[in-house]
Amino acid sequence: MEGMYEKAVANIVKQGLQDMFLGRCRRIVEETSGTGWGFHDALSDIYDEAF
């Protein structure tokens, strides 16, 4: 699952669409709080590096 989020974020950055998807990507991270062992942390790291 982390891999799909990472690929999506990488594509967003590659296309220069960060402003358009910033809010949605952040909400995805926020909604994963408490989901799985380390899942939220992994998505948070991906988000923080990209945005």
PDB file of N, CA and C in Angstrom:
ATOM      1  N   MET A   1       0.817  -1.191   0.000  1.00  0.00           N
ATOM      2  CA  MET A   1       0.000   0.000   0.000  1.00  0.00           C
ATOM      3  C   MET A   1       0.863   1.258   0.000  1.00  0.00           C
ATOM      4  N   GLU A   2       1.927   1.238   0.784  1.00  0.00           N
ATOM      5  CA  GLU A   2       2.801   2.409   0.815  1.00  0.00           C
ATOM      6  C   GLU A   2       3.371   2.683  -0.569  1.00  0.00           C
ATOM      7  N   GLY A   3       3.659   1.608  -1.279  1.00  0.00           N
ATOM      8  CA  GLY A   3       4.240   1.739  -2.605  1.00  0.00           C
ATOM      9  C   GLY A   3       3.320   2.453  -3.587  1.00  0.00           C
ATOM     10  N   MET A   4       2.039   2.172  -3.502  1.00  0.00           N
ATOM     11  CA  MET A   4       1.084   2.838  -4.388  1.00  0.00           C
ATOM     12  C   MET A   4       0.999   4.324  -4.077  1.00  0.00           C
ATOM     13  N   TYR A   5       0.979   4.662  -2.792  1.00  0.00           N
ATOM     14  CA  TYR A   5       0.943   6.072  -2.394  1.00  0.00           C
ATOM     15  C   TYR A   5       2.220   6.766  -2.859  1.00  0.00           C
ATOM     16  N   GLU A   6       3.336   6.101  -2.683  1.00  0.00           N
ATOM     17  CA  GLU A   6       4.620   6.673  -3.092  1.00  0.00           C
ATOM     18  C   GLU A   6       4.664   6.913  -4.605  1.00  0.00           C
ATOM     19  N   LYS A   7       4.166   5.961  -5.386  1.00  0.00           N
ATOM     20  CA  LYS A   7       4.133   6.123  -6.841  1.00  0.00           C
ATOM     21  C   LYS A   7       3.213   7.272  -7.243  1.00  0.00           C
ATOM     22  N   ALA A   8       2.066   7.364  -6.595  1.00  0.00           N
ATOM     23  CA  ALA A   8       1.126   8.445  -6.909  1.00  0.00           C
ATOM     24  C   ALA A   8       1.738   9.802  -6.590  1.00  0.00           C
ATOM     25  N   VAL A   9       2.348   9.922  -5.421  1.00  0.00           N
ATOM     26  CA  VAL A   9       2.967  11.190  -5.023  1.00  0.00           C
ATOM     27  C   VAL A   9       4.127  11.529  -5.958  1.00  0.00           C
ATOM     28  N   ALA A  10       4.920  10.548  -6.325  1.00  0.00           N
ATOM     29  CA  ALA A  10       6.031  10.795  -7.244  1.00  0.00           C
ATOM     30  C   ALA A  10       5.516  11.307  -8.590  1.00  0.00           C
ATOM     31  N   ASN A  11       4.421  10.743  -9.059  1.00  0.00           N
ATOM     32  CA  ASN A  11       3.841  11.189 -10.325  1.00  0.00           C
ATOM     33  C   ASN A  11       3.288  12.609 -10.202  1.00  0.00           C
ATOM     34  N   ILE A  12       2.667  12.918  -9.076  1.00  0.00           N
ATOM     35  CA  ILE A  12       2.161  14.270  -8.825  1.00  0.00           C
ATOM     36  C   ILE A  12       3.310  15.272  -8.878  1.00  0.00           C
ATOM     37  N   VAL A  13       4.409  14.937  -8.220  1.00  0.00           N
ATOM     38  CA  VAL A  13       5.577  15.826  -8.205  1.00  0.00           C
ATOM     39  C   VAL A  13       6.166  15.947  -9.609  1.00  0.00           C
ATOM     40  N   LYS A  14       6.299  14.828 -10.296  1.00  0.00           N
ATOM     41  CA  LYS A  14       6.865  14.822 -11.649  1.00  0.00           C
ATOM     42  C   LYS A  14       6.064  15.721 -12.589  1.00  0.00           C
ATOM     43  N   GLN A  15       4.752  15.717 -12.428  1.00  0.00           N
ATOM     44  CA  GLN A  15       3.879  16.517 -13.287  1.00  0.00           C
ATOM     45  C   GLN A  15       3.715  17.959 -12.793  1.00  0.00           C
ATOM     46  N   GLY A  16       4.299  18.265 -11.627  1.00  0.00           N
ATOM     47  CA  GLY A  16       4.209  19.618 -11.083  1.00  0.00           C
ATOM     48  C   GLY A  16       2.826  19.973 -10.562  1.00  0.00           C
ATOM     49  N   LEU A  17       2.122  18.982 -10.033  1.00  0.00           N
ATOM     50  CA  LEU A  17       0.739  19.174  -9.596  1.00  0.00           C
ATOM     51  C   LEU A  17       0.582  19.211  -8.078  1.00  0.00           C
ATOM     52  N   GLN A  18       1.658  19.534  -7.364  1.00  0.00           N
ATOM     53  CA  GLN A  18       1.621  19.518  -5.909  1.00  0.00           C
ATOM     54  C   GLN A  18       0.507  20.399  -5.343  1.00  0.00           C
ATOM     55  N   ASP A  19       0.350  21.604  -5.876  1.00  0.00           N
ATOM     56  CA  ASP A  19      -0.675  22.508  -5.351  1.00  0.00           C
ATOM     57  C   ASP A  19      -2.072  21.915  -5.492  1.00  0.00           C
ATOM     58  N   MET A  20      -2.317  21.217  -6.589  1.00  0.00           N
ATOM     59  CA  MET A  20      -3.632  20.644  -6.847  1.00  0.00           C
ATOM     60  C   MET A  20      -3.940  19.472  -5.906  1.00  0.00           C
ATOM     61  N   PHE A  21      -2.925  18.694  -5.535  1.00  0.00           N
ATOM     62  CA  PHE A  21      -3.146  17.476  -4.769  1.00  0.00           C
ATOM     63  C   PHE A  21      -2.665  17.544  -3.323  1.00  0.00           C
ATOM     64  N   LEU A  22      -2.133  18.668  -2.903  1.00  0.00           N
ATOM     65  CA  LEU A  22      -1.600  18.809  -1.548  1.00  0.00           C
ATOM     66  C   LEU A  22      -2.622  18.410  -0.488  1.00  0.00           C
ATOM     67  N   GLY A  23      -3.812  18.975  -0.553  1.00  0.00           N
ATOM     68  CA  GLY A  23      -4.842  18.699   0.445  1.00  0.00           C
ATOM     69  C   GLY A  23      -5.270  17.248   0.472  1.00  0.00           C
ATOM     70  N   ARG A  24      -5.478  16.670  -0.682  1.00  0.00           N
ATOM     71  CA  ARG A  24      -5.928  15.272  -0.747  1.00  0.00           C
ATOM     72  C   ARG A  24      -4.853  14.327  -0.224  1.00  0.00           C
ATOM     73  N   CYS A  25      -3.616  14.567  -0.600  1.00  0.00           N
ATOM     74  CA  CYS A  25      -2.532  13.710  -0.119  1.00  0.00           C
ATOM     75  C   CYS A  25      -2.387  13.828   1.390  1.00  0.00           C
ATOM     76  N   ARG A  26      -2.558  15.023   1.928  1.00  0.00           N
ATOM     77  CA  ARG A  26      -2.480  15.214   3.381  1.00  0.00           C
ATOM     78  C   ARG A  26      -3.619  14.485   4.087  1.00  0.00           C
ATOM     79  N   ARG A  27      -4.830  14.570   3.527  1.00  0.00           N
ATOM     80  CA  ARG A  27      -5.979  13.877   4.135  1.00  0.00           C
ATOM     81  C   ARG A  27      -5.769  12.365   4.162  1.00  0.00           C
ATOM     82  N   ILE A  28      -5.186  11.837   3.109  1.00  0.00           N
ATOM     83  CA  ILE A  28      -4.904  10.396   3.082  1.00  0.00           C
ATOM     84  C   ILE A  28      -3.995  10.032   4.248  1.00  0.00           C
ATOM     85  N   VAL A  29      -2.959  10.829   4.462  1.00  0.00           N
ATOM     86  CA  VAL A  29      -2.043  10.573   5.579  1.00  0.00           C
ATOM     87  C   VAL A  29      -2.797  10.673   6.902  1.00  0.00           C
ATOM     88  N   GLU A  30      -3.586  11.716   7.074  1.00  0.00           N
ATOM     89  CA  GLU A  30      -4.321  11.910   8.329  1.00  0.00           C
ATOM     90  C   GLU A  30      -5.295  10.770   8.600  1.00  0.00           C
ATOM     91  N   GLU A  31      -5.951  10.267   7.563  1.00  0.00           N
ATOM     92  CA  GLU A  31      -6.945   9.207   7.721  1.00  0.00           C
ATOM     93  C   GLU A  31      -6.323   7.845   8.017  1.00  0.00           C
ATOM     94  N   THR A  32      -5.011   7.712   7.865  1.00  0.00           N
ATOM     95  CA  THR A  32      -4.362   6.430   8.146  1.00  0.00           C
ATOM     96  C   THR A  32      -3.842   6.334   9.577  1.00  0.00           C
ATOM     97  N   SER A  33      -4.032   7.377  10.353  1.00  0.00           N
ATOM     98  CA  SER A  33      -3.567   7.343  11.743  1.00  0.00           C
ATOM     99  C   SER A  33      -4.200   6.158  12.465  1.00  0.00           C
ATOM    100  N   GLY A  34      -3.368   5.327  13.065  1.00  0.00           N
ATOM    101  CA  GLY A  34      -3.857   4.158  13.785  1.00  0.00           C
ATOM    102  C   GLY A  34      -4.080   2.942  12.907  1.00  0.00           C
ATOM    103  N   THR A  35      -3.692   3.008  11.641  1.00  0.00           N
ATOM    104  CA  THR A  35      -3.891   1.896  10.717  1.00  0.00           C
ATOM    105  C   THR A  35      -2.584   1.137  10.530  1.00  0.00           C
ATOM    106  N   GLY A  36      -2.559  -0.086  10.954  1.00  0.00           N
ATOM    107  CA  GLY A  36      -1.398  -0.933  10.719  1.00  0.00           C
ATOM    108  C   GLY A  36      -0.135  -0.467  11.424  1.00  0.00           C
ATOM    109  N   TRP A  37       0.807  -1.359  11.525  1.00  0.00           N
ATOM    110  CA  TRP A  37       2.069  -1.085  12.197  1.00  0.00           C
ATOM    111  C   TRP A  37       2.991  -0.320  11.260  1.00  0.00           C
ATOM    112  N   GLY A  38       3.189   0.975  11.525  1.00  0.00           N
ATOM    113  CA  GLY A  38       4.106   1.786  10.747  1.00  0.00           C
ATOM    114  C   GLY A  38       3.553   2.329   9.441  1.00  0.00           C
ATOM    115  N   PHE A  39       2.323   1.977   9.103  1.00  0.00           N
ATOM    116  CA  PHE A  39       1.736   2.415   7.836  1.00  0.00           C
ATOM    117  C   PHE A  39       1.605   3.930   7.789  1.00  0.00           C
ATOM    118  N   HIS A  40       1.025   4.511   8.832  1.00  0.00           N
ATOM    119  CA  HIS A  40       0.856   5.961   8.905  1.00  0.00           C
ATOM    120  C   HIS A  40       2.214   6.664   8.855  1.00  0.00           C
ATOM    121  N   ASP A  41       3.177   6.140   9.573  1.00  0.00           N
ATOM    122  CA  ASP A  41       4.516   6.737   9.582  1.00  0.00           C
ATOM    123  C   ASP A  41       5.151   6.718   8.195  1.00  0.00           C
ATOM    124  N   ALA A  42       4.972   5.622   7.487  1.00  0.00           N
ATOM    125  CA  ALA A  42       5.540   5.515   6.139  1.00  0.00           C
ATOM    126  C   ALA A  42       4.911   6.545   5.203  1.00  0.00           C
ATOM    127  N   LEU A  43       3.583   6.677   5.257  1.00  0.00           N
ATOM    128  CA  LEU A  43       2.915   7.659   4.405  1.00  0.00           C
ATOM    129  C   LEU A  43       3.298   9.076   4.801  1.00  0.00           C
ATOM    130  N   SER A  44       3.440   9.313   6.090  1.00  0.00           N
ATOM    131  CA  SER A  44       3.858  10.640   6.565  1.00  0.00           C
ATOM    132  C   SER A  44       5.233  11.003   6.023  1.00  0.00           C
ATOM    133  N   ASP A  45       6.141  10.045   6.035  1.00  0.00           N
ATOM    134  CA  ASP A  45       7.490  10.288   5.514  1.00  0.00           C
ATOM    135  C   ASP A  45       7.458  10.615   4.021  1.00  0.00           C
ATOM    136  N   ILE A  46       6.676   9.862   3.273  1.00  0.00           N
ATOM    137  CA  ILE A  46       6.558  10.100   1.831  1.00  0.00           C
ATOM    138  C   ILE A  46       5.989  11.492   1.580  1.00  0.00           C
ATOM    139  N   TYR A  47       4.938  11.832   2.313  1.00  0.00           N
ATOM    140  CA  TYR A  47       4.305  13.152   2.171  1.00  0.00           C
ATOM    141  C   TYR A  47       5.282  14.271   2.508  1.00  0.00           C
ATOM    142  N   ASP A  48       5.962  14.130   3.639  1.00  0.00           N
ATOM    143  CA  ASP A  48       6.889  15.176   4.086  1.00  0.00           C
ATOM    144  C   ASP A  48       8.027  15.407   3.092  1.00  0.00           C
ATOM    145  N   GLU A  49       8.503  14.352   2.479  1.00  0.00           N
ATOM    146  CA  GLU A  49       9.587  14.486   1.504  1.00  0.00           C
ATOM    147  C   GLU A  49       9.117  15.164   0.216  1.00  0.00           C
ATOM    148  N   ALA A  50       7.868  14.943  -0.157  1.00  0.00           N
ATOM    149  CA  ALA A  50       7.361  15.463  -1.429  1.00  0.00           C
ATOM    150  C   ALA A  50       6.799  16.870  -1.328  1.00  0.00           C
ATOM    151  N   PHE A  51       6.176  17.177  -0.182  1.00  0.00           N
ATOM    152  CA  PHE A  51       5.496  18.457  -0.053  1.00  0.00           C
ATOM    153  C   PHE A  51       6.190  19.325   0.971  1.00  0.00           C
TER     154      PHE A  51
END
